[in-house]
N, C-alpha and C. Protein backbone atom coordinates (compact mmCIF):
# COMPACT_ATOMS: atom_id res chain seq x y z
N UNK A 1 135.32 13.15 -76.60
CA UNK A 1 134.99 12.28 -77.59
C UNK A 1 135.64 12.85 -78.95
N UNK A 2 136.13 11.85 -79.66
CA UNK A 2 136.72 12.27 -81.00
C UNK A 2 135.69 12.30 -82.02
N UNK A 3 136.07 12.91 -83.15
CA UNK A 3 135.08 13.18 -84.20
C UNK A 3 134.69 11.88 -84.73
N UNK A 4 135.41 10.94 -84.88
CA UNK A 4 134.99 9.53 -85.39
C UNK A 4 134.05 9.04 -84.36
N UNK A 5 134.22 9.11 -83.04
CA UNK A 5 133.36 8.49 -82.09
C UNK A 5 131.97 9.17 -82.13
N UNK A 6 131.96 10.47 -82.37
CA UNK A 6 130.66 11.07 -82.50
C UNK A 6 129.93 10.67 -83.66
N UNK A 7 130.57 10.50 -84.74
CA UNK A 7 129.99 9.94 -86.02
C UNK A 7 129.40 8.69 -85.82
N UNK A 8 130.08 7.77 -85.05
CA UNK A 8 129.68 6.39 -84.83
C UNK A 8 128.38 6.50 -83.88
N UNK A 9 128.27 7.20 -82.92
CA UNK A 9 127.36 7.43 -81.91
C UNK A 9 126.07 8.00 -82.85
N UNK A 10 126.35 8.95 -83.66
CA UNK A 10 125.14 9.51 -84.44
C UNK A 10 124.65 8.51 -85.36
N UNK A 11 125.56 7.65 -85.99
CA UNK A 11 124.98 6.73 -86.83
C UNK A 11 124.32 5.56 -86.15
N UNK A 12 124.71 5.23 -84.92
CA UNK A 12 123.88 4.27 -84.18
C UNK A 12 122.58 4.76 -83.67
N UNK A 13 122.61 6.05 -83.34
CA UNK A 13 121.35 6.80 -82.92
C UNK A 13 120.32 6.85 -83.98
N UNK A 14 120.72 7.08 -85.19
CA UNK A 14 119.90 7.10 -86.39
C UNK A 14 119.34 5.80 -86.73
N UNK A 15 120.24 4.73 -86.63
CA UNK A 15 119.81 3.37 -86.96
C UNK A 15 118.80 2.83 -85.83
N UNK A 16 119.03 3.17 -84.73
CA UNK A 16 118.15 2.88 -83.55
C UNK A 16 116.76 3.49 -83.67
N UNK A 17 116.84 4.78 -84.01
CA UNK A 17 115.67 5.61 -84.34
C UNK A 17 114.90 5.07 -85.50
N UNK A 18 115.64 4.68 -86.51
CA UNK A 18 114.99 4.08 -87.74
C UNK A 18 114.35 2.84 -87.38
N UNK A 19 115.02 1.95 -86.79
CA UNK A 19 114.46 0.60 -86.27
C UNK A 19 113.21 0.82 -85.42
N UNK A 20 113.25 1.74 -84.54
CA UNK A 20 112.05 2.05 -83.62
C UNK A 20 110.91 2.55 -84.57
N UNK A 21 111.21 3.33 -85.44
CA UNK A 21 110.06 3.84 -86.40
C UNK A 21 109.52 2.63 -87.13
N UNK A 22 110.42 1.82 -87.73
CA UNK A 22 110.03 0.62 -88.54
C UNK A 22 109.24 -0.18 -87.60
N UNK A 23 109.51 -0.47 -86.38
CA UNK A 23 108.75 -1.32 -85.49
C UNK A 23 107.40 -0.76 -85.18
N UNK A 24 107.24 0.55 -85.14
CA UNK A 24 105.91 1.16 -84.91
C UNK A 24 105.02 1.11 -86.18
N UNK A 25 105.72 1.12 -87.27
CA UNK A 25 105.02 1.00 -88.48
C UNK A 25 104.55 -0.46 -88.83
N UNK A 26 105.45 -1.36 -88.46
CA UNK A 26 105.01 -2.82 -88.64
C UNK A 26 103.95 -3.21 -87.68
N UNK A 27 103.96 -2.70 -86.33
CA UNK A 27 103.02 -3.09 -85.45
C UNK A 27 101.58 -2.50 -85.93
N UNK A 28 101.71 -1.21 -86.37
CA UNK A 28 100.32 -0.66 -86.76
C UNK A 28 99.82 -1.29 -87.93
N UNK A 29 100.62 -1.96 -88.95
CA UNK A 29 100.21 -2.61 -90.14
C UNK A 29 99.61 -3.87 -89.55
N UNK A 30 100.18 -4.62 -88.66
CA UNK A 30 99.71 -5.81 -88.14
C UNK A 30 98.41 -5.67 -87.47
N UNK A 31 98.34 -4.58 -86.67
CA UNK A 31 96.94 -4.33 -86.08
C UNK A 31 95.92 -4.17 -87.08
N UNK A 32 96.15 -3.37 -88.10
CA UNK A 32 95.26 -3.04 -89.05
C UNK A 32 94.79 -4.22 -89.72
N UNK A 33 95.62 -5.26 -90.08
CA UNK A 33 95.33 -6.44 -90.82
C UNK A 33 94.41 -7.24 -89.85
N UNK A 34 94.89 -7.38 -88.47
CA UNK A 34 94.07 -8.21 -87.55
C UNK A 34 92.62 -7.65 -87.33
N UNK A 35 92.49 -6.34 -87.20
CA UNK A 35 91.15 -5.82 -87.05
C UNK A 35 90.19 -5.90 -88.27
N UNK A 36 90.80 -5.99 -89.49
CA UNK A 36 90.04 -6.11 -90.65
C UNK A 36 89.87 -7.50 -91.20
N UNK A 37 90.62 -8.46 -90.69
CA UNK A 37 90.36 -9.84 -91.03
C UNK A 37 89.29 -10.40 -90.39
N UNK A 38 88.39 -11.27 -91.14
CA UNK A 38 87.11 -11.81 -90.75
C UNK A 38 87.53 -12.81 -89.51
N UNK A 39 86.60 -12.72 -88.60
CA UNK A 39 86.91 -13.67 -87.36
C UNK A 39 86.27 -14.97 -87.63
N UNK A 40 86.82 -16.01 -87.04
CA UNK A 40 86.27 -17.29 -87.22
C UNK A 40 85.09 -17.44 -86.24
N UNK A 41 84.11 -17.97 -86.72
CA UNK A 41 82.87 -18.21 -85.97
C UNK A 41 82.56 -19.72 -85.79
N UNK A 42 82.06 -20.04 -84.69
CA UNK A 42 81.67 -21.54 -84.48
C UNK A 42 80.17 -21.63 -84.65
N UNK A 43 79.73 -22.28 -85.74
CA UNK A 43 78.34 -22.43 -85.91
C UNK A 43 77.57 -22.84 -84.87
N UNK A 44 78.11 -23.73 -83.90
CA UNK A 44 77.42 -24.30 -82.86
C UNK A 44 77.46 -23.35 -81.56
N UNK A 45 78.32 -22.29 -81.65
CA UNK A 45 78.52 -21.49 -80.41
C UNK A 45 77.22 -20.79 -79.85
N UNK A 46 76.20 -20.45 -80.85
CA UNK A 46 75.17 -19.87 -80.26
C UNK A 46 74.20 -20.92 -79.69
N UNK A 47 74.21 -22.12 -80.23
CA UNK A 47 73.34 -23.21 -79.61
C UNK A 47 73.92 -23.64 -78.26
N UNK A 48 75.29 -23.63 -78.22
CA UNK A 48 75.84 -23.99 -76.90
C UNK A 48 75.54 -22.96 -75.79
N UNK A 49 75.59 -21.63 -76.15
CA UNK A 49 75.28 -20.67 -75.24
C UNK A 49 73.97 -20.76 -74.88
N UNK A 50 72.96 -20.88 -75.75
CA UNK A 50 71.50 -21.01 -75.43
C UNK A 50 71.20 -22.20 -74.57
N UNK A 51 72.02 -23.30 -74.81
CA UNK A 51 71.82 -24.49 -73.91
C UNK A 51 72.32 -24.25 -72.52
N UNK A 52 73.43 -23.41 -72.40
CA UNK A 52 73.98 -23.23 -71.13
C UNK A 52 73.24 -22.28 -70.21
N UNK A 53 72.47 -21.29 -70.95
CA UNK A 53 71.80 -20.31 -70.11
C UNK A 53 70.24 -20.73 -70.06
N UNK A 54 69.85 -21.74 -70.61
CA UNK A 54 68.45 -22.19 -70.64
C UNK A 54 68.04 -22.38 -69.13
N UNK A 55 66.77 -22.05 -68.80
CA UNK A 55 66.28 -22.34 -67.44
C UNK A 55 66.18 -23.85 -67.26
N UNK A 56 66.41 -24.04 -65.88
CA UNK A 56 66.48 -25.42 -65.42
C UNK A 56 64.91 -25.94 -65.34
N UNK A 57 64.09 -25.20 -65.21
CA UNK A 57 62.55 -25.64 -65.14
C UNK A 57 61.71 -24.47 -65.62
N UNK A 58 60.39 -24.89 -65.92
CA UNK A 58 59.52 -24.00 -66.25
C UNK A 58 58.12 -24.18 -65.50
N UNK A 59 57.34 -23.14 -65.56
CA UNK A 59 56.03 -23.23 -64.99
C UNK A 59 54.86 -22.98 -66.01
N UNK A 60 54.00 -23.91 -66.03
CA UNK A 60 52.97 -23.88 -66.86
C UNK A 60 51.55 -23.81 -66.17
N UNK A 61 50.59 -23.13 -66.86
CA UNK A 61 49.38 -23.04 -66.37
C UNK A 61 48.28 -23.30 -67.36
N UNK A 62 47.12 -23.69 -67.13
CA UNK A 62 45.93 -23.96 -67.93
C UNK A 62 46.33 -25.00 -69.05
N UNK A 63 45.47 -24.83 -70.20
CA UNK A 63 45.52 -25.70 -71.34
C UNK A 63 47.05 -25.67 -72.05
N UNK A 64 47.32 -24.39 -72.06
CA UNK A 64 48.62 -24.15 -72.77
C UNK A 64 49.76 -24.91 -71.95
N UNK A 65 49.71 -24.82 -70.64
CA UNK A 65 50.71 -25.56 -69.77
C UNK A 65 50.54 -27.10 -69.94
N UNK A 66 49.34 -27.57 -69.96
CA UNK A 66 49.23 -29.06 -70.11
C UNK A 66 49.77 -29.44 -71.46
N UNK A 67 49.52 -28.79 -72.56
CA UNK A 67 49.98 -29.14 -73.78
C UNK A 67 51.56 -28.97 -73.90
N UNK A 68 52.04 -27.96 -73.19
CA UNK A 68 53.58 -27.85 -73.20
C UNK A 68 54.23 -28.94 -72.31
N UNK A 69 53.54 -29.31 -71.19
CA UNK A 69 54.04 -30.39 -70.43
C UNK A 69 53.97 -31.66 -71.10
N UNK A 70 52.99 -31.95 -71.85
CA UNK A 70 52.80 -33.10 -72.47
C UNK A 70 53.86 -33.27 -73.71
N UNK A 71 54.11 -32.12 -74.40
CA UNK A 71 55.02 -32.14 -75.44
C UNK A 71 56.51 -32.45 -74.76
N UNK A 72 56.74 -31.84 -73.71
CA UNK A 72 58.04 -32.06 -73.04
C UNK A 72 58.18 -33.46 -72.63
N UNK A 73 57.07 -34.09 -71.96
CA UNK A 73 57.18 -35.33 -71.57
C UNK A 73 57.33 -36.38 -72.74
N UNK A 74 56.74 -36.09 -73.76
CA UNK A 74 57.02 -36.86 -75.14
C UNK A 74 58.35 -36.91 -75.61
N UNK A 75 58.87 -35.71 -75.67
CA UNK A 75 60.20 -35.35 -76.07
C UNK A 75 61.20 -36.20 -75.18
N UNK A 76 61.10 -36.05 -73.84
CA UNK A 76 61.79 -36.75 -72.99
C UNK A 76 61.75 -38.22 -73.03
N UNK A 77 60.54 -38.85 -73.33
CA UNK A 77 60.40 -40.33 -73.50
C UNK A 77 61.03 -40.75 -74.80
N UNK A 78 60.97 -39.86 -75.78
CA UNK A 78 61.61 -40.16 -77.03
C UNK A 78 63.10 -40.08 -76.87
N UNK A 79 63.72 -39.16 -76.09
CA UNK A 79 65.17 -39.14 -75.83
C UNK A 79 65.69 -40.32 -75.04
N UNK A 80 64.78 -40.65 -74.00
CA UNK A 80 65.11 -41.92 -73.24
C UNK A 80 65.14 -43.20 -74.00
N UNK A 81 64.15 -43.30 -74.81
CA UNK A 81 63.98 -44.43 -75.82
C UNK A 81 65.29 -44.53 -76.66
N UNK A 82 65.79 -43.48 -77.16
CA UNK A 82 66.98 -43.51 -77.99
C UNK A 82 68.18 -43.93 -77.28
N UNK A 83 68.16 -43.90 -75.85
CA UNK A 83 69.36 -44.25 -75.16
C UNK A 83 69.26 -45.78 -74.68
N UNK A 84 68.10 -46.38 -74.94
CA UNK A 84 67.93 -47.87 -74.68
C UNK A 84 68.54 -48.81 -75.87
N UNK A 85 69.29 -49.76 -75.60
CA UNK A 85 69.93 -50.64 -76.52
C UNK A 85 68.96 -51.20 -77.55
N UNK A 86 69.40 -51.11 -78.92
CA UNK A 86 68.80 -51.94 -79.90
C UNK A 86 67.41 -51.34 -80.04
N UNK A 87 67.19 -50.23 -79.76
CA UNK A 87 65.80 -49.52 -80.07
C UNK A 87 64.72 -49.92 -79.15
N UNK A 88 65.09 -50.56 -78.01
CA UNK A 88 64.23 -51.01 -76.88
C UNK A 88 63.62 -52.35 -77.22
N UNK A 89 64.01 -53.10 -78.29
CA UNK A 89 63.33 -54.29 -78.58
C UNK A 89 63.42 -55.29 -77.39
N UNK A 90 62.47 -56.24 -77.29
CA UNK A 90 62.58 -57.25 -76.27
C UNK A 90 62.53 -58.53 -77.03
N UNK A 91 62.97 -58.64 -78.23
CA UNK A 91 63.11 -59.86 -78.99
C UNK A 91 64.48 -60.52 -78.50
N UNK A 92 64.33 -61.54 -77.84
CA UNK A 92 65.63 -62.18 -77.19
C UNK A 92 66.65 -62.58 -78.43
N UNK A 93 65.97 -63.06 -79.54
CA UNK A 93 66.91 -63.54 -80.73
C UNK A 93 67.69 -62.30 -81.24
N UNK A 94 67.05 -61.19 -81.30
CA UNK A 94 67.68 -59.84 -81.90
C UNK A 94 68.75 -59.50 -80.87
N UNK A 95 68.48 -59.39 -79.54
CA UNK A 95 69.48 -59.01 -78.57
C UNK A 95 70.72 -59.90 -78.60
N UNK A 96 70.38 -61.28 -78.60
CA UNK A 96 71.44 -62.31 -78.79
C UNK A 96 72.31 -61.98 -79.91
N UNK A 97 71.65 -61.74 -81.03
CA UNK A 97 72.44 -61.52 -82.41
C UNK A 97 73.29 -60.43 -82.36
N UNK A 98 72.93 -59.35 -81.57
CA UNK A 98 73.71 -57.99 -81.47
C UNK A 98 74.75 -58.18 -80.43
N UNK A 99 74.47 -58.82 -79.32
CA UNK A 99 75.51 -58.79 -78.23
C UNK A 99 75.97 -59.98 -77.66
N UNK A 100 74.96 -60.99 -77.39
CA UNK A 100 75.45 -62.29 -76.69
C UNK A 100 76.30 -63.24 -77.54
N UNK A 101 76.11 -63.14 -78.79
CA UNK A 101 76.63 -64.11 -79.79
C UNK A 101 78.13 -64.01 -79.64
N UNK A 102 78.76 -62.81 -79.34
CA UNK A 102 80.14 -62.71 -79.31
C UNK A 102 80.89 -63.71 -78.25
N UNK A 103 80.16 -63.87 -77.17
CA UNK A 103 80.76 -64.79 -76.31
C UNK A 103 80.15 -66.15 -76.23
N UNK A 104 78.88 -66.26 -76.37
CA UNK A 104 78.23 -67.50 -76.41
C UNK A 104 78.21 -68.38 -77.63
N UNK A 105 78.82 -67.93 -78.62
CA UNK A 105 79.16 -68.71 -79.82
C UNK A 105 80.48 -69.48 -79.66
N UNK A 106 81.45 -68.70 -79.28
CA UNK A 106 82.81 -69.28 -79.14
C UNK A 106 83.30 -69.76 -77.78
N UNK A 107 82.30 -69.52 -76.74
CA UNK A 107 82.66 -69.89 -75.37
C UNK A 107 83.66 -68.99 -74.78
N UNK A 108 83.77 -67.72 -75.05
CA UNK A 108 84.68 -66.81 -74.48
C UNK A 108 84.42 -66.73 -72.90
N UNK A 109 85.71 -66.65 -72.24
CA UNK A 109 85.66 -66.56 -70.72
C UNK A 109 84.73 -67.63 -70.06
N UNK A 110 84.60 -68.85 -70.68
CA UNK A 110 83.93 -69.87 -70.12
C UNK A 110 82.36 -69.82 -70.31
N UNK A 111 82.02 -69.03 -71.13
CA UNK A 111 80.63 -68.76 -71.46
C UNK A 111 80.05 -70.16 -72.22
N UNK A 112 78.89 -70.62 -71.62
CA UNK A 112 78.27 -71.71 -72.19
C UNK A 112 77.69 -71.50 -73.69
N UNK A 113 78.06 -72.32 -74.60
CA UNK A 113 77.77 -72.18 -76.00
C UNK A 113 76.29 -72.27 -76.21
N UNK A 114 75.72 -71.46 -77.02
CA UNK A 114 74.27 -71.59 -77.32
C UNK A 114 74.06 -73.00 -77.88
N UNK A 115 72.97 -73.72 -77.30
CA UNK A 115 72.48 -74.97 -77.79
C UNK A 115 73.33 -76.08 -77.12
N UNK A 116 74.35 -75.95 -76.48
CA UNK A 116 75.08 -76.96 -75.82
C UNK A 116 74.43 -77.31 -74.46
N UNK A 117 73.64 -78.36 -74.53
CA UNK A 117 72.78 -78.81 -73.37
C UNK A 117 73.58 -79.26 -72.30
N UNK A 118 74.81 -79.89 -72.52
CA UNK A 118 75.64 -80.24 -71.35
C UNK A 118 76.15 -79.13 -70.60
N UNK A 119 76.46 -78.02 -71.23
CA UNK A 119 76.95 -76.82 -70.56
C UNK A 119 75.83 -76.11 -69.96
N UNK A 120 74.59 -76.05 -70.52
CA UNK A 120 73.64 -75.21 -69.91
C UNK A 120 72.84 -76.02 -68.85
N UNK A 121 72.80 -77.29 -68.88
CA UNK A 121 71.98 -78.13 -68.03
C UNK A 121 72.20 -77.67 -66.42
N UNK A 122 73.51 -77.49 -65.96
CA UNK A 122 73.62 -77.18 -64.50
C UNK A 122 73.16 -75.74 -64.28
N UNK A 123 73.35 -74.86 -65.19
CA UNK A 123 72.86 -73.49 -65.11
C UNK A 123 71.29 -73.40 -65.08
N UNK A 124 70.73 -74.04 -65.95
CA UNK A 124 69.22 -74.10 -66.11
C UNK A 124 68.68 -74.67 -64.78
N UNK A 125 69.41 -75.58 -64.18
CA UNK A 125 68.81 -76.23 -62.89
C UNK A 125 68.78 -75.18 -61.85
N UNK A 126 69.64 -74.13 -61.94
CA UNK A 126 69.59 -73.05 -60.89
C UNK A 126 68.46 -72.17 -60.88
N UNK A 127 67.73 -72.24 -62.06
CA UNK A 127 66.41 -71.45 -62.28
C UNK A 127 66.72 -70.29 -63.11
N UNK A 128 65.59 -69.89 -63.77
CA UNK A 128 65.77 -68.79 -64.73
C UNK A 128 65.92 -67.62 -64.05
N UNK A 129 65.37 -67.35 -62.82
CA UNK A 129 65.73 -66.08 -62.03
C UNK A 129 67.18 -65.81 -61.75
N UNK A 130 67.84 -67.05 -61.39
CA UNK A 130 69.26 -66.82 -61.19
C UNK A 130 69.96 -66.53 -62.29
N UNK A 131 69.72 -67.10 -63.46
CA UNK A 131 70.30 -66.75 -64.72
C UNK A 131 70.14 -65.31 -65.07
N UNK A 132 68.89 -64.76 -64.88
CA UNK A 132 68.72 -63.39 -65.16
C UNK A 132 69.46 -62.57 -64.16
N UNK A 133 69.56 -62.92 -63.02
CA UNK A 133 70.27 -62.07 -61.99
C UNK A 133 71.79 -62.14 -62.42
N UNK A 134 72.34 -63.28 -62.76
CA UNK A 134 73.79 -63.22 -63.27
C UNK A 134 73.99 -62.36 -64.46
N UNK A 135 73.01 -62.52 -65.42
CA UNK A 135 73.04 -61.64 -66.63
C UNK A 135 73.06 -60.24 -66.22
N UNK A 136 72.22 -59.84 -65.20
CA UNK A 136 71.88 -58.34 -64.89
C UNK A 136 73.13 -57.83 -64.10
N UNK A 137 73.48 -58.51 -63.06
CA UNK A 137 74.50 -58.09 -62.15
C UNK A 137 75.88 -58.47 -62.54
N UNK A 138 76.13 -59.57 -63.36
CA UNK A 138 77.41 -60.02 -63.61
C UNK A 138 77.73 -61.15 -62.71
N UNK A 139 78.61 -61.94 -63.22
CA UNK A 139 78.84 -63.24 -62.39
C UNK A 139 80.32 -63.65 -62.60
N UNK A 140 80.97 -64.12 -61.57
CA UNK A 140 82.33 -64.80 -61.69
C UNK A 140 82.08 -66.15 -61.05
N UNK A 141 82.29 -67.27 -61.88
CA UNK A 141 82.00 -68.58 -61.52
C UNK A 141 83.25 -69.11 -60.87
N UNK A 142 83.07 -70.13 -60.07
CA UNK A 142 84.13 -70.85 -59.32
C UNK A 142 85.20 -71.40 -60.42
N UNK A 143 84.77 -71.81 -61.43
CA UNK A 143 85.77 -72.48 -62.44
C UNK A 143 86.43 -71.38 -63.38
N UNK A 144 86.19 -70.15 -62.99
CA UNK A 144 86.91 -69.01 -63.72
C UNK A 144 86.06 -68.36 -64.79
N UNK A 145 84.77 -68.85 -65.14
CA UNK A 145 84.03 -68.28 -66.14
C UNK A 145 83.52 -66.95 -65.68
N UNK A 146 83.21 -66.00 -66.60
CA UNK A 146 82.88 -64.62 -66.38
C UNK A 146 81.77 -64.20 -67.16
N UNK A 147 80.85 -63.48 -66.48
CA UNK A 147 79.74 -62.81 -67.21
C UNK A 147 79.82 -61.41 -66.87
N UNK A 148 79.96 -60.38 -67.86
CA UNK A 148 79.91 -59.00 -67.38
C UNK A 148 78.45 -58.55 -67.11
N UNK A 149 78.43 -57.50 -66.21
CA UNK A 149 76.82 -57.09 -65.88
C UNK A 149 76.30 -56.62 -67.37
N UNK A 150 75.11 -57.02 -67.46
CA UNK A 150 74.33 -56.72 -68.64
C UNK A 150 74.94 -57.10 -69.97
N UNK A 151 75.90 -58.16 -69.94
CA UNK A 151 76.55 -58.62 -71.13
C UNK A 151 77.58 -57.47 -71.60
N UNK A 152 77.87 -56.63 -70.80
CA UNK A 152 78.77 -55.50 -71.09
C UNK A 152 78.16 -54.30 -71.83
N UNK A 153 76.87 -54.29 -71.86
CA UNK A 153 76.07 -53.18 -72.47
C UNK A 153 74.98 -52.64 -71.51
N UNK A 154 75.59 -51.48 -70.81
CA UNK A 154 74.75 -50.89 -69.69
C UNK A 154 73.47 -50.35 -70.16
N UNK A 155 73.24 -50.17 -71.41
CA UNK A 155 71.99 -49.59 -72.04
C UNK A 155 70.92 -50.63 -72.11
N UNK A 156 71.15 -51.97 -71.82
CA UNK A 156 70.09 -52.93 -71.77
C UNK A 156 69.14 -52.72 -70.64
N UNK A 157 67.91 -52.86 -70.88
CA UNK A 157 66.95 -52.72 -69.77
C UNK A 157 66.69 -54.16 -69.12
N UNK A 158 66.13 -54.21 -67.94
CA UNK A 158 65.93 -55.52 -67.43
C UNK A 158 65.04 -56.44 -68.24
N UNK A 159 64.10 -55.80 -68.99
CA UNK A 159 63.16 -56.56 -69.78
C UNK A 159 63.88 -57.09 -70.89
N UNK A 160 64.85 -56.42 -71.55
CA UNK A 160 65.67 -56.99 -72.61
C UNK A 160 66.60 -57.97 -72.21
N UNK A 161 67.12 -57.96 -71.02
CA UNK A 161 67.98 -59.05 -70.34
C UNK A 161 67.13 -60.34 -70.20
N UNK A 162 66.01 -60.09 -69.68
CA UNK A 162 65.10 -61.22 -69.41
C UNK A 162 64.71 -61.91 -70.72
N UNK A 163 64.46 -61.16 -71.72
CA UNK A 163 64.15 -61.59 -72.98
C UNK A 163 65.22 -62.35 -73.59
N UNK A 164 66.48 -61.88 -73.55
CA UNK A 164 67.46 -62.56 -74.11
C UNK A 164 67.86 -63.83 -73.32
N UNK A 165 67.94 -63.88 -72.07
CA UNK A 165 68.20 -65.01 -71.32
C UNK A 165 67.16 -66.13 -71.53
N UNK A 166 65.87 -65.76 -71.57
CA UNK A 166 64.87 -66.63 -71.83
C UNK A 166 64.97 -67.47 -73.17
N UNK A 167 65.35 -66.52 -74.20
CA UNK A 167 65.52 -67.11 -75.44
C UNK A 167 66.76 -68.02 -75.68
N UNK A 168 67.83 -67.69 -74.94
CA UNK A 168 68.97 -68.48 -74.86
C UNK A 168 68.68 -69.85 -74.17
N UNK A 169 67.98 -69.70 -73.16
CA UNK A 169 67.66 -70.92 -72.38
C UNK A 169 66.85 -71.88 -73.29
N UNK A 170 65.78 -71.24 -73.97
CA UNK A 170 64.88 -71.97 -74.74
C UNK A 170 65.69 -72.73 -75.73
N UNK A 171 66.75 -72.10 -76.33
CA UNK A 171 67.54 -72.79 -77.43
C UNK A 171 68.46 -73.91 -76.87
N UNK A 172 68.58 -73.90 -75.46
CA UNK A 172 69.61 -74.77 -74.91
C UNK A 172 68.94 -75.85 -74.09
N UNK A 173 67.57 -76.10 -74.14
CA UNK A 173 66.96 -77.15 -73.30
C UNK A 173 66.89 -78.37 -74.10
């Protein structure tokens, strides 16, 4: 190797060594910043972990157990009531106003309009039980009309459906 080649190799070696040293320094600085930076915390994480590891059931004994079971039953009933449509009301007019009015006012999908005696008469002749069944389970009529199950709201209870159908029929007699 010539003198000039040796100088070039030496310069490249120094440059590669310097870059390797700079890399080590930059990695060290980045790790120091990472370790000292505050970590993001999810405020719901502890609640999610507690929910995930909660026991599936509990055993209660004596008066303490009865009180705990009663409190749990009340909490479950309250949670179930919140899942029922329209706060569990069985006022047919209220249920009609929240749900049924969207189809039975305009006649959507062949729905008989509220108060239209001509449209309701053949349906009422089938009996209230049949109308409640069609409202609960859904109905596809021979003329293409369509009633979705529970009016399209699966949170309705059978009592709510009965109340709404009874109210609608009462308005259409």
